[in-house]
Amino acid sequence: MHPMLNIATRAARAAGNIIMRNLDRIDSLSIESKQRNDFVSEVDRAAEATIIDTLHQAYPDHAIMAEESGNTGNSEYVWIIDPLDGTTNFLHGFPQFAVSIALKKGSALEQGVIYDPVKQELFTASRGRGAWLDNKRLRVSKRRTLQTSLIGTGLPYLDNQDIDQYLPVLRDFIKCTSGIRRPGAAALDLAYVAAGRLDGFWEAGLNVWDVAAGGLLIREAGGLIGDFNGGEDWLEGEQIVAANPKIFHAMLQVIKPHCSVKD
């Protein structure tokens, strides 16, 4: 394992331990609303602090881009952190949430970790070295048609998201796939695409910390990832489509008539 990936893995596991220690005391947690349907708890903040401390012990000069504490430092190396992806799930005791950590050097994603502390599944990727679930090499699924595919998505839940644009796309995917799933943690959804558990995934309104690690996992597992036009504006462009190569292009044909690329 690459040394930087090893440190990221250590940080993700430490954050996962904090999350699981608090799973049976949800009712007593301090919870704030960042906006409607968007919450942060003391567990998010504690997990993030642990991740940053672990990373900075090894790489004190690296910059940080974190969901809760924002951007700090100035370096070509930037750690992109979501300490608890799926906070709403966690706050309801719904066991689908994860820690997501990625490292970007310049414009290139170099390392990615997604850790599911409930199942204790560790998804990792290093650029050019493949994607892994623990010690098993990951490959995207081999399905060739949408009709046989299981597709993941995320529902628009914030006030600034366009549900009227989303619903026709959802309707069309329901008609032409084997099924649609919305578990509520985008980082894990992307990890599942890399692992072949989902054949594809699409969502709008995500942030860089939701998709960075998962995007690297998918590419290293042989998949494709892009915006709603199939272009490269997915990391910070708030639109993402990911799948194996055959399903990726088929998904774009469903999405394009309804959605434009974000300006």
Protein backbone atom coordinates (compact mmCIF):
# COMPACT_ATOMS: atom_id res chain seq x y z
CA MET A 1 0.00 0.00 0.00
CA HIS A 2 1.25 3.48 -0.86
CA PRO A 3 2.49 5.31 2.29
CA MET A 4 0.03 8.17 1.83
CA LEU A 5 -2.83 5.74 1.34
CA ASN A 6 -1.75 3.92 4.48
CA ILE A 7 -2.02 7.16 6.49
CA ALA A 8 -5.43 7.92 4.95
CA THR A 9 -6.59 4.42 5.88
CA ARG A 10 -5.43 4.94 9.46
CA ALA A 11 -7.32 8.24 9.61
CA ALA A 12 -10.49 6.72 8.16
CA ARG A 13 -10.48 3.85 10.65
CA ALA A 14 -9.93 6.25 13.57
CA ALA A 15 -12.88 8.34 12.42
CA GLY A 16 -14.96 5.20 11.97
CA ASN A 17 -14.25 4.21 15.57
CA ILE A 18 -15.57 7.57 16.79
CA ILE A 19 -18.70 7.20 14.69
CA MET A 20 -19.48 3.70 15.93
CA ARG A 21 -18.87 4.62 19.57
CA ASN A 22 -21.62 7.21 19.24
CA LEU A 23 -24.14 5.13 17.30
CA ASP A 24 -25.94 4.04 20.49
CA ARG A 25 -26.18 7.60 21.90
CA ILE A 26 -27.73 9.41 18.96
CA ASP A 27 -30.54 10.88 21.08
CA SER A 28 -28.05 12.73 23.27
CA LEU A 29 -25.90 14.19 20.50
CA SER A 30 -25.60 17.89 19.77
CA ILE A 31 -27.03 18.43 16.27
CA GLU A 32 -27.17 21.61 14.19
CA SER A 33 -29.00 22.32 10.95
CA LYS A 34 -26.79 23.92 8.27
CA GLN A 35 -29.89 24.38 6.11
CA ARG A 36 -33.14 22.49 5.61
CA ASN A 37 -32.44 18.74 5.50
CA ASP A 38 -28.68 19.29 5.97
CA PHE A 39 -27.36 18.43 9.42
CA VAL A 40 -24.06 18.32 11.27
CA SER A 41 -23.45 16.67 14.62
CA GLU A 42 -20.67 16.69 17.17
CA VAL A 43 -19.72 13.28 15.75
CA ASP A 44 -19.06 14.78 12.29
CA ARG A 45 -16.80 17.37 13.86
CA ALA A 46 -14.97 14.92 16.14
CA ALA A 47 -14.40 12.49 13.29
CA GLU A 48 -13.11 15.29 11.05
CA ALA A 49 -10.75 16.57 13.73
CA THR A 50 -9.32 13.09 14.18
CA ILE A 51 -8.78 12.69 10.44
CA ILE A 52 -7.04 16.05 10.12
CA ASP A 53 -4.85 15.38 13.16
CA THR A 54 -3.79 11.98 11.80
CA LEU A 55 -3.00 13.39 8.36
CA HIS A 56 -1.10 16.39 9.72
CA GLN A 57 1.00 14.25 12.03
CA ALA A 58 2.37 12.57 8.91
CA TYR A 59 2.13 15.47 6.44
CA PRO A 60 2.04 18.78 8.35
CA ASP A 61 2.52 20.89 5.21
CA HIS A 62 -0.38 19.43 3.25
CA ALA A 63 -3.54 21.46 2.69
CA ILE A 64 -7.00 20.41 3.84
CA MET A 65 -10.41 20.69 2.19
CA ALA A 66 -12.93 19.42 4.72
CA GLU A 67 -16.72 19.50 4.76
CA GLU A 68 -17.12 20.97 8.23
CA SER A 69 -13.99 23.05 8.86
CA GLY A 70 -13.37 24.28 5.32
CA ASN A 71 -10.07 24.91 3.55
CA THR A 72 -6.76 25.35 5.34
CA GLY A 73 -3.16 25.50 4.14
CA ASN A 74 -1.54 26.09 0.78
CA SER A 75 0.09 23.11 -0.92
CA GLU A 76 0.00 21.15 -4.16
CA TYR A 77 -1.18 18.27 -1.95
CA VAL A 78 -4.78 18.68 -0.78
CA TRP A 79 -6.64 16.20 1.40
CA ILE A 80 -10.38 16.17 0.63
CA ILE A 81 -12.40 14.97 3.61
CA ASP A 82 -15.99 13.97 4.32
CA PRO A 83 -15.86 12.70 7.90
CA LEU A 84 -19.38 11.25 7.86
CA ASP A 85 -21.08 10.90 4.51
CA GLY A 86 -24.68 10.02 5.22
CA THR A 87 -25.15 12.07 8.40
CA THR A 88 -28.95 11.91 8.15
CA ASN A 89 -28.77 8.12 7.94
CA PHE A 90 -26.48 8.05 10.97
CA LEU A 91 -28.78 10.30 13.00
CA HIS A 92 -31.65 7.89 12.37
CA GLY A 93 -29.61 4.77 13.10
CA PHE A 94 -29.89 3.75 9.45
CA PRO A 95 -26.67 1.78 8.86
CA GLN A 96 -25.52 3.29 5.56
CA PHE A 97 -22.81 5.90 6.05
CA ALA A 98 -19.09 6.17 5.51
CA VAL A 99 -15.86 8.10 5.92
CA SER A 100 -14.41 9.45 2.67
CA ILE A 101 -10.85 10.75 2.23
CA ALA A 102 -9.06 11.61 -1.00
CA LEU A 103 -5.71 13.17 -1.83
CA LYS A 104 -5.30 15.46 -4.82
CA LYS A 105 -1.89 16.54 -6.12
CA GLY A 106 -2.34 19.48 -8.43
CA SER A 107 -5.31 18.55 -10.59
CA ALA A 108 -4.90 14.77 -10.23
CA LEU A 109 -6.57 12.54 -7.67
CA GLU A 110 -3.83 10.35 -6.23
CA GLN A 111 -5.33 8.41 -3.29
CA GLY A 112 -8.81 7.51 -2.15
CA VAL A 113 -10.32 5.78 0.87
CA ILE A 114 -13.96 5.05 1.66
CA TYR A 115 -14.56 3.24 4.93
CA ASP A 116 -17.87 1.74 6.01
CA PRO A 117 -17.53 1.39 9.81
CA VAL A 118 -20.72 -0.67 10.14
CA LYS A 119 -19.62 -3.43 7.77
CA GLN A 120 -15.93 -2.65 8.38
CA GLU A 121 -15.38 -2.58 4.63
CA LEU A 122 -12.37 -0.58 3.45
CA PHE A 123 -12.37 0.59 -0.18
CA THR A 124 -9.04 2.03 -1.37
CA ALA A 125 -7.44 3.24 -4.58
CA SER A 126 -4.11 4.69 -5.68
CA ARG A 127 -3.75 6.28 -9.10
CA GLY A 128 -2.38 3.70 -11.51
CA ARG A 129 -2.44 0.91 -8.91
CA GLY A 130 -6.04 -0.24 -9.03
CA ALA A 131 -8.95 -0.22 -6.60
CA TRP A 132 -9.36 -2.64 -3.73
CA LEU A 133 -11.83 -3.85 -1.12
CA ASP A 134 -9.57 -5.00 1.67
CA ASN A 135 -7.30 -7.43 -0.25
CA LYS A 136 -9.62 -8.04 -3.22
CA ARG A 137 -9.08 -6.22 -6.52
CA LEU A 138 -12.20 -4.37 -7.62
CA ARG A 139 -13.68 -4.24 -11.11
CA VAL A 140 -16.84 -2.54 -12.26
CA SER A 141 -19.67 -4.78 -13.40
CA LYS A 142 -19.78 -6.39 -16.83
CA ARG A 143 -23.44 -5.75 -17.56
CA ARG A 144 -24.03 -4.44 -21.04
CA THR A 145 -27.63 -3.17 -21.02
CA LEU A 146 -29.64 -0.82 -18.86
CA GLN A 147 -32.49 -3.33 -18.83
CA THR A 148 -30.42 -5.68 -16.66
CA SER A 149 -28.78 -2.95 -14.56
CA LEU A 150 -29.22 -1.80 -10.97
CA ILE A 151 -28.65 1.95 -10.77
CA GLY A 152 -28.03 4.17 -7.76
CA THR A 153 -29.09 7.78 -7.34
CA GLY A 154 -29.58 10.57 -4.82
CA LEU A 155 -32.78 12.53 -4.44
CA PRO A 156 -32.79 16.35 -4.51
CA TYR A 157 -33.34 17.30 -0.87
CA LEU A 158 -32.07 20.88 -0.57
CA ASP A 159 -34.04 24.02 -1.41
CA ASN A 160 -31.70 25.01 -4.24
CA GLN A 161 -31.97 21.67 -6.05
CA ASP A 162 -34.32 21.24 -9.01
CA ILE A 163 -36.64 18.33 -8.28
CA ASP A 164 -38.72 19.12 -11.37
CA GLN A 165 -35.70 18.42 -13.56
CA TYR A 166 -34.81 15.26 -11.61
CA LEU A 167 -38.19 13.50 -11.64
CA PRO A 168 -38.45 12.93 -15.43
CA VAL A 169 -34.97 11.38 -15.40
CA LEU A 170 -35.95 9.11 -12.51
CA ARG A 171 -39.13 8.12 -14.35
CA ASP A 172 -37.18 7.15 -17.47
CA PHE A 173 -34.63 5.14 -15.52
CA ILE A 174 -37.40 3.29 -13.67
CA LYS A 175 -38.82 2.30 -17.04
CA CYS A 176 -35.58 1.00 -18.57
CA THR A 177 -33.62 -0.63 -15.71
CA SER A 178 -33.90 -3.56 -13.32
CA GLY A 179 -34.19 -1.16 -10.39
CA ILE A 180 -33.20 2.11 -8.76
CA ARG A 181 -31.64 2.42 -5.30
CA ARG A 182 -31.24 5.51 -3.10
CA PRO A 183 -29.39 4.46 0.08
CA GLY A 184 -28.43 8.03 1.04
CA ALA A 185 -24.62 8.04 1.15
CA ALA A 186 -23.08 9.02 -2.19
CA ALA A 187 -19.54 8.00 -1.28
CA LEU A 188 -20.68 4.44 -0.60
CA ASP A 189 -22.81 4.44 -3.74
CA LEU A 190 -19.71 5.24 -5.78
CA ALA A 191 -17.69 2.59 -3.96
CA TYR A 192 -20.44 0.11 -4.83
CA VAL A 193 -20.16 1.05 -8.51
CA ALA A 194 -16.42 0.34 -8.30
CA ALA A 195 -17.18 -3.00 -6.65
CA GLY A 196 -19.81 -3.97 -9.24
CA ARG A 197 -22.63 -3.96 -6.69
CA LEU A 198 -24.27 -1.11 -8.59
CA ASP A 199 -23.94 -0.90 -12.36
CA GLY A 200 -24.20 2.88 -12.40
CA PHE A 201 -24.98 6.00 -10.40
CA TRP A 202 -26.13 9.56 -11.08
CA GLU A 203 -26.82 12.58 -8.90
CA ALA A 204 -26.78 16.38 -8.97
CA GLY A 205 -25.90 18.80 -6.20
CA LEU A 206 -23.00 16.91 -4.67
CA ASN A 207 -19.79 18.43 -3.33
CA VAL A 208 -16.17 17.58 -4.05
CA TRP A 209 -15.79 15.73 -0.74
CA ASP A 210 -18.74 13.50 -1.63
CA VAL A 211 -17.23 12.27 -4.90
CA ALA A 212 -13.42 12.61 -4.91
CA ALA A 213 -12.48 9.27 -3.35
CA GLY A 214 -15.29 7.40 -5.09
CA GLY A 215 -14.39 8.86 -8.46
CA LEU A 216 -10.83 7.59 -8.18
CA LEU A 217 -12.09 4.16 -7.07
CA ILE A 218 -14.32 3.90 -10.13
CA ARG A 219 -11.63 4.90 -12.60
CA GLU A 220 -9.14 2.50 -11.04
CA ALA A 221 -11.79 -0.26 -11.21
CA GLY A 222 -12.21 0.27 -14.96
CA GLY A 223 -15.29 2.49 -14.90
CA LEU A 224 -16.11 5.87 -16.39
CA ILE A 225 -17.19 9.02 -14.59
CA GLY A 226 -18.35 12.35 -15.95
CA ASP A 227 -20.87 15.17 -15.81
CA PHE A 228 -24.32 14.99 -17.40
CA ASN A 229 -22.78 15.69 -20.79
CA GLY A 230 -20.13 13.02 -20.35
CA GLY A 231 -17.45 15.67 -19.79
CA GLU A 232 -14.87 16.15 -17.07
CA ASP A 233 -16.74 18.71 -14.93
CA TRP A 234 -17.80 16.18 -12.30
CA LEU A 235 -15.41 16.71 -9.39
CA GLU A 236 -16.62 20.21 -8.53
CA GLY A 237 -19.36 20.66 -11.11
CA GLU A 238 -22.14 19.21 -8.95
CA GLN A 239 -23.21 16.68 -11.61
CA ILE A 240 -22.02 13.11 -11.71
CA VAL A 241 -22.65 9.98 -13.77
CA ALA A 242 -20.58 6.87 -13.07
CA ALA A 243 -20.79 3.33 -14.42
CA ASN A 244 -19.03 0.64 -16.37
CA PRO A 245 -18.24 1.86 -19.91
CA LYS A 246 -21.31 0.33 -21.63
CA ILE A 247 -23.79 1.48 -19.00
CA PHE A 248 -22.15 4.93 -18.71
CA HIS A 249 -22.95 5.81 -22.31
CA ALA A 250 -26.44 4.33 -22.04
CA MET A 251 -27.14 6.41 -18.92
CA LEU A 252 -26.07 9.60 -20.67
CA GLN A 253 -28.63 8.95 -23.39
CA VAL A 254 -31.35 8.88 -20.73
CA ILE A 255 -30.10 11.95 -18.86
CA LYS A 256 -29.14 14.33 -21.68
CA PRO A 257 -32.66 15.10 -22.97
CA HIS A 258 -33.64 16.36 -19.52
CA CYS A 259 -30.53 17.98 -18.06
CA SER A 260 -27.99 20.57 -19.13
CA VAL A 261 -24.44 20.83 -17.84
CA LYS A 262 -24.18 23.27 -14.95
CA ASP A 263 -22.68 26.62 -15.94
